[in-house]
């Protein structure tokens, strides 16, 4: 099954789309996609791969409570770009959201969610992520 990862590593972005409501709640206010050459996987980390299609969205958000593990994400209008599937979700049946703690370090941890993708490229997830480390720094939701 092909998966498209919802890439939101905003610690690298120039925009101010990342916010902390409290020391333990983090939010990402936009989901934009990933640009990659067709057939080329551009890993975000050793644990996260971008997939082999460029994709974009109309919008979305993600949030994680690092203490309770309550996690939510919403993706609107995910489409594949630059292939015969352009403008549609194509063969992608689901998206995976991944909370990465301590990204780029020896203690990096990647914790996954999954959500179905409808024919219009919309997906929602609302549940718990287990085993979030007590020290979840340098984080991204990918």
C-alpha atoms as a PDB file:
ATOM      1  CA  UNK A   1       0.000   0.000   0.000  1.00  0.00           C
ATOM      2  CA  UNK A   2       1.394   3.410  -0.954  1.00  0.00           C
ATOM      3  CA  UNK A   3       1.423   6.006   1.791  1.00  0.00           C
ATOM      4  CA  UNK A   4       1.923   9.741   1.541  1.00  0.00           C
ATOM      5  CA  UNK A   5       3.440  11.306   4.613  1.00  0.00           C
ATOM      6  CA  UNK A   6       1.994  14.557   5.846  1.00  0.00           C
ATOM      7  CA  UNK A   7       5.252  16.500   6.036  1.00  0.00           C
ATOM      8  CA  UNK A   8       5.158  19.354   8.523  1.00  0.00           C
ATOM      9  CA  UNK A   9       8.687  19.734   9.800  1.00  0.00           C
ATOM     10  CA  UNK A  10       8.130  23.400  10.473  1.00  0.00           C
ATOM     11  CA  UNK A  11      11.258  23.706  12.590  1.00  0.00           C
ATOM     12  CA  UNK A  12      12.954  24.111   9.190  1.00  0.00           C
ATOM     13  CA  UNK A  13      10.398  26.472   7.680  1.00  0.00           C
ATOM     14  CA  UNK A  14      10.612  30.231   7.470  1.00  0.00           C
ATOM     15  CA  UNK A  15       6.941  30.796   8.233  1.00  0.00           C
ATOM     16  CA  UNK A  16       5.549  31.140  11.741  1.00  0.00           C
ATOM     17  CA  UNK A  17       3.055  28.296  11.417  1.00  0.00           C
ATOM     18  CA  UNK A  18       4.165  26.525  14.610  1.00  0.00           C
ATOM     19  CA  UNK A  19       2.760  27.455  18.012  1.00  0.00           C
ATOM     20  CA  UNK A  20       2.901  26.149  21.570  1.00  0.00           C
ATOM     21  CA  UNK A  21      -0.337  26.629  23.527  1.00  0.00           C
ATOM     22  CA  UNK A  22       1.214  25.287  26.708  1.00  0.00           C
ATOM     23  CA  UNK A  23       4.568  23.656  27.414  1.00  0.00           C
ATOM     24  CA  UNK A  24       3.075  20.289  26.490  1.00  0.00           C
ATOM     25  CA  UNK A  25       0.744  21.116  23.544  1.00  0.00           C
ATOM     26  CA  UNK A  26       2.121  21.801  20.088  1.00  0.00           C
ATOM     27  CA  UNK A  27       0.187  22.852  16.997  1.00  0.00           C
ATOM     28  CA  UNK A  28       1.024  23.085  13.318  1.00  0.00           C
ATOM     29  CA  UNK A  29      -1.342  25.516  11.603  1.00  0.00           C
ATOM     30  CA  UNK A  30      -0.793  24.466   8.008  1.00  0.00           C
ATOM     31  CA  UNK A  31      -0.143  21.372   5.916  1.00  0.00           C
ATOM     32  CA  UNK A  32       1.400  22.219   2.573  1.00  0.00           C
ATOM     33  CA  UNK A  33       2.905  19.090   0.985  1.00  0.00           C
ATOM     34  CA  UNK A  34       6.257  18.035  -0.349  1.00  0.00           C
ATOM     35  CA  UNK A  35       7.943  18.769  -3.668  1.00  0.00           C
ATOM     36  CA  UNK A  36      10.106  15.941  -4.958  1.00  0.00           C
ATOM     37  CA  UNK A  37      11.185  14.655  -8.335  1.00  0.00           C
ATOM     38  CA  UNK A  38       8.972  11.802  -9.507  1.00  0.00           C
ATOM     39  CA  UNK A  39      10.380   8.453  -8.404  1.00  0.00           C
ATOM     40  CA  UNK A  40      12.815  10.065  -5.944  1.00  0.00           C
ATOM     41  CA  UNK A  41      12.407   9.622  -2.185  1.00  0.00           C
ATOM     42  CA  UNK A  42      13.755  12.584  -0.196  1.00  0.00           C
ATOM     43  CA  UNK A  43      13.995  11.347   3.399  1.00  0.00           C
ATOM     44  CA  UNK A  44      13.176  13.852   6.124  1.00  0.00           C
ATOM     45  CA  UNK A  45      15.098  11.615   8.527  1.00  0.00           C
ATOM     46  CA  UNK A  46      16.185   8.000   8.701  1.00  0.00           C
ATOM     47  CA  UNK A  47      12.656   7.227   9.928  1.00  0.00           C
ATOM     48  CA  UNK A  48      10.604   9.410   7.567  1.00  0.00           C
ATOM     49  CA  UNK A  49      10.449   9.135   3.796  1.00  0.00           C
ATOM     50  CA  UNK A  50       8.707  11.695   1.614  1.00  0.00           C
ATOM     51  CA  UNK A  51       7.255   9.209  -0.844  1.00  0.00           C
ATOM     52  CA  UNK A  52       7.889   9.196  -4.576  1.00  0.00           C
ATOM     53  CA  UNK A  53       5.304  11.727  -5.793  1.00  0.00           C
ATOM     54  CA  UNK A  54       5.176  15.482  -5.291  1.00  0.00           C
ATOM     55  CA  UNK A  55       1.952  16.384  -3.486  1.00  0.00           C
ATOM     56  CA  UNK A  56       0.167  19.418  -2.122  1.00  0.00           C
ATOM     57  CA  UNK A  57      -2.927  20.246  -0.087  1.00  0.00           C
ATOM     58  CA  UNK A  58      -5.462  23.050   0.143  1.00  0.00           C
ATOM     59  CA  UNK A  59      -4.846  23.123   3.902  1.00  0.00           C
ATOM     60  CA  UNK A  60      -5.002  21.358   7.198  1.00  0.00           C
ATOM     61  CA  UNK A  61      -3.620  21.340  10.721  1.00  0.00           C
ATOM     62  CA  UNK A  62      -2.128  19.052  13.342  1.00  0.00           C
ATOM     63  CA  UNK A  63      -1.818  19.141  17.127  1.00  0.00           C
ATOM     64  CA  UNK A  64      -0.310  16.890  19.770  1.00  0.00           C
ATOM     65  CA  UNK A  65      -0.505  17.010  23.562  1.00  0.00           C
ATOM     66  CA  UNK A  66       2.929  15.660  24.506  1.00  0.00           C
ATOM     67  CA  UNK A  67       1.744  14.716  28.014  1.00  0.00           C
ATOM     68  CA  UNK A  68      -1.515  12.864  27.279  1.00  0.00           C
ATOM     69  CA  UNK A  69      -0.703  11.731  23.728  1.00  0.00           C
ATOM     70  CA  UNK A  70      -3.941  13.180  22.336  1.00  0.00           C
ATOM     71  CA  UNK A  71      -3.261  13.857  18.666  1.00  0.00           C
ATOM     72  CA  UNK A  72      -5.344  15.293  15.837  1.00  0.00           C
ATOM     73  CA  UNK A  73      -4.732  16.130  12.240  1.00  0.00           C
ATOM     74  CA  UNK A  74      -6.895  17.199   9.361  1.00  0.00           C
ATOM     75  CA  UNK A  75      -5.846  17.276   5.698  1.00  0.00           C
ATOM     76  CA  UNK A  76      -7.883  19.077   3.027  1.00  0.00           C
ATOM     77  CA  UNK A  77      -7.582  18.422  -0.677  1.00  0.00           C
ATOM     78  CA  UNK A  78      -4.408  16.346  -0.926  1.00  0.00           C
ATOM     79  CA  UNK A  79      -3.490  15.870  -4.597  1.00  0.00           C
ATOM     80  CA  UNK A  80      -0.584  14.348  -6.474  1.00  0.00           C
ATOM     81  CA  UNK A  81       1.328  16.777  -8.734  1.00  0.00           C
ATOM     82  CA  UNK A  82       3.162  16.204 -12.016  1.00  0.00           C
ATOM     83  CA  UNK A  83       2.026  12.667 -12.893  1.00  0.00           C
ATOM     84  CA  UNK A  84      -0.887  11.040 -14.681  1.00  0.00           C
ATOM     85  CA  UNK A  85      -2.683  11.354 -11.308  1.00  0.00           C
ATOM     86  CA  UNK A  86      -2.210  15.141 -11.129  1.00  0.00           C
ATOM     87  CA  UNK A  87      -5.056  16.919  -9.384  1.00  0.00           C
ATOM     88  CA  UNK A  88      -6.313  13.757  -7.628  1.00  0.00           C
ATOM     89  CA  UNK A  89      -5.191  11.639  -4.665  1.00  0.00           C
ATOM     90  CA  UNK A  90      -4.299   8.989  -7.253  1.00  0.00           C
ATOM     91  CA  UNK A  91      -3.444   5.563  -5.823  1.00  0.00           C
ATOM     92  CA  UNK A  92      -2.972   6.887  -2.269  1.00  0.00           C
ATOM     93  CA  UNK A  93      -5.549   5.249   0.059  1.00  0.00           C
ATOM     94  CA  UNK A  94      -4.343   6.777   3.336  1.00  0.00           C
ATOM     95  CA  UNK A  95      -2.007   9.282   4.915  1.00  0.00           C
ATOM     96  CA  UNK A  96       0.335   8.717   7.817  1.00  0.00           C
ATOM     97  CA  UNK A  97       1.072  11.407  10.356  1.00  0.00           C
ATOM     98  CA  UNK A  98       4.315  10.932  12.271  1.00  0.00           C
ATOM     99  CA  UNK A  99       5.410  12.775  15.394  1.00  0.00           C
ATOM    100  CA  UNK A 100       9.206  12.935  15.378  1.00  0.00           C
ATOM    101  CA  UNK A 101      10.876  13.726  18.697  1.00  0.00           C
ATOM    102  CA  UNK A 102      14.531  14.780  18.882  1.00  0.00           C
ATOM    103  CA  UNK A 103      14.767  14.899  15.091  1.00  0.00           C
ATOM    104  CA  UNK A 104      18.255  14.470  13.689  1.00  0.00           C
ATOM    105  CA  UNK A 105      19.766  13.130  16.921  1.00  0.00           C
ATOM    106  CA  UNK A 106      20.764   9.677  18.151  1.00  0.00           C
ATOM    107  CA  UNK A 107      17.650   9.666  20.347  1.00  0.00           C
ATOM    108  CA  UNK A 108      15.235  10.368  17.466  1.00  0.00           C
ATOM    109  CA  UNK A 109      11.857   8.653  17.917  1.00  0.00           C
ATOM    110  CA  UNK A 110       9.152   8.441  15.229  1.00  0.00           C
ATOM    111  CA  UNK A 111       5.575   7.627  16.302  1.00  0.00           C
ATOM    112  CA  UNK A 112       2.943   6.974  13.604  1.00  0.00           C
ATOM    113  CA  UNK A 113      -0.767   7.521  13.118  1.00  0.00           C
ATOM    114  CA  UNK A 114      -2.866   6.571  10.102  1.00  0.00           C
ATOM    115  CA  UNK A 115      -6.058   7.870   8.521  1.00  0.00           C
ATOM    116  CA  UNK A 116      -8.131   6.976   5.470  1.00  0.00           C
ATOM    117  CA  UNK A 117      -8.093   9.387   2.540  1.00  0.00           C
ATOM    118  CA  UNK A 118     -11.371  10.058   0.728  1.00  0.00           C
ATOM    119  CA  UNK A 119     -11.762  10.609  -3.024  1.00  0.00           C
ATOM    120  CA  UNK A 120     -11.425  14.395  -2.567  1.00  0.00           C
ATOM    121  CA  UNK A 121      -8.100  14.066  -0.732  1.00  0.00           C
ATOM    122  CA  UNK A 122      -9.449  14.726   2.760  1.00  0.00           C
ATOM    123  CA  UNK A 123      -8.290  12.849   5.865  1.00  0.00           C
ATOM    124  CA  UNK A 124      -8.842  13.169   9.596  1.00  0.00           C
ATOM    125  CA  UNK A 125      -7.237  11.573  12.625  1.00  0.00           C
ATOM    126  CA  UNK A 126      -8.177  12.035  16.260  1.00  0.00           C
ATOM    127  CA  UNK A 127      -6.855   9.579  18.815  1.00  0.00           C
ATOM    128  CA  UNK A 128      -3.788   8.915  20.978  1.00  0.00           C
ATOM    129  CA  UNK A 129      -0.108   8.487  20.195  1.00  0.00           C
ATOM    130  CA  UNK A 130       1.507   6.131  22.712  1.00  0.00           C
ATOM    131  CA  UNK A 131       5.024   6.172  24.110  1.00  0.00           C
ATOM    132  CA  UNK A 132       5.879   9.846  23.566  1.00  0.00           C
ATOM    133  CA  UNK A 133       9.239  10.336  25.306  1.00  0.00           C
ATOM    134  CA  UNK A 134       9.321  12.689  28.296  1.00  0.00           C
ATOM    135  CA  UNK A 135      11.963  14.715  26.435  1.00  0.00           C
ATOM    136  CA  UNK A 136      10.374  15.334  23.037  1.00  0.00           C
ATOM    137  CA  UNK A 137      12.423  18.237  21.764  1.00  0.00           C
ATOM    138  CA  UNK A 138      13.369  19.397  18.264  1.00  0.00           C
ATOM    139  CA  UNK A 139      10.061  17.969  17.078  1.00  0.00           C
ATOM    140  CA  UNK A 140       8.135  17.893  13.870  1.00  0.00           C
ATOM    141  CA  UNK A 141       4.877  16.320  12.754  1.00  0.00           C
ATOM    142  CA  UNK A 142       5.555  14.678   9.443  1.00  0.00           C
END
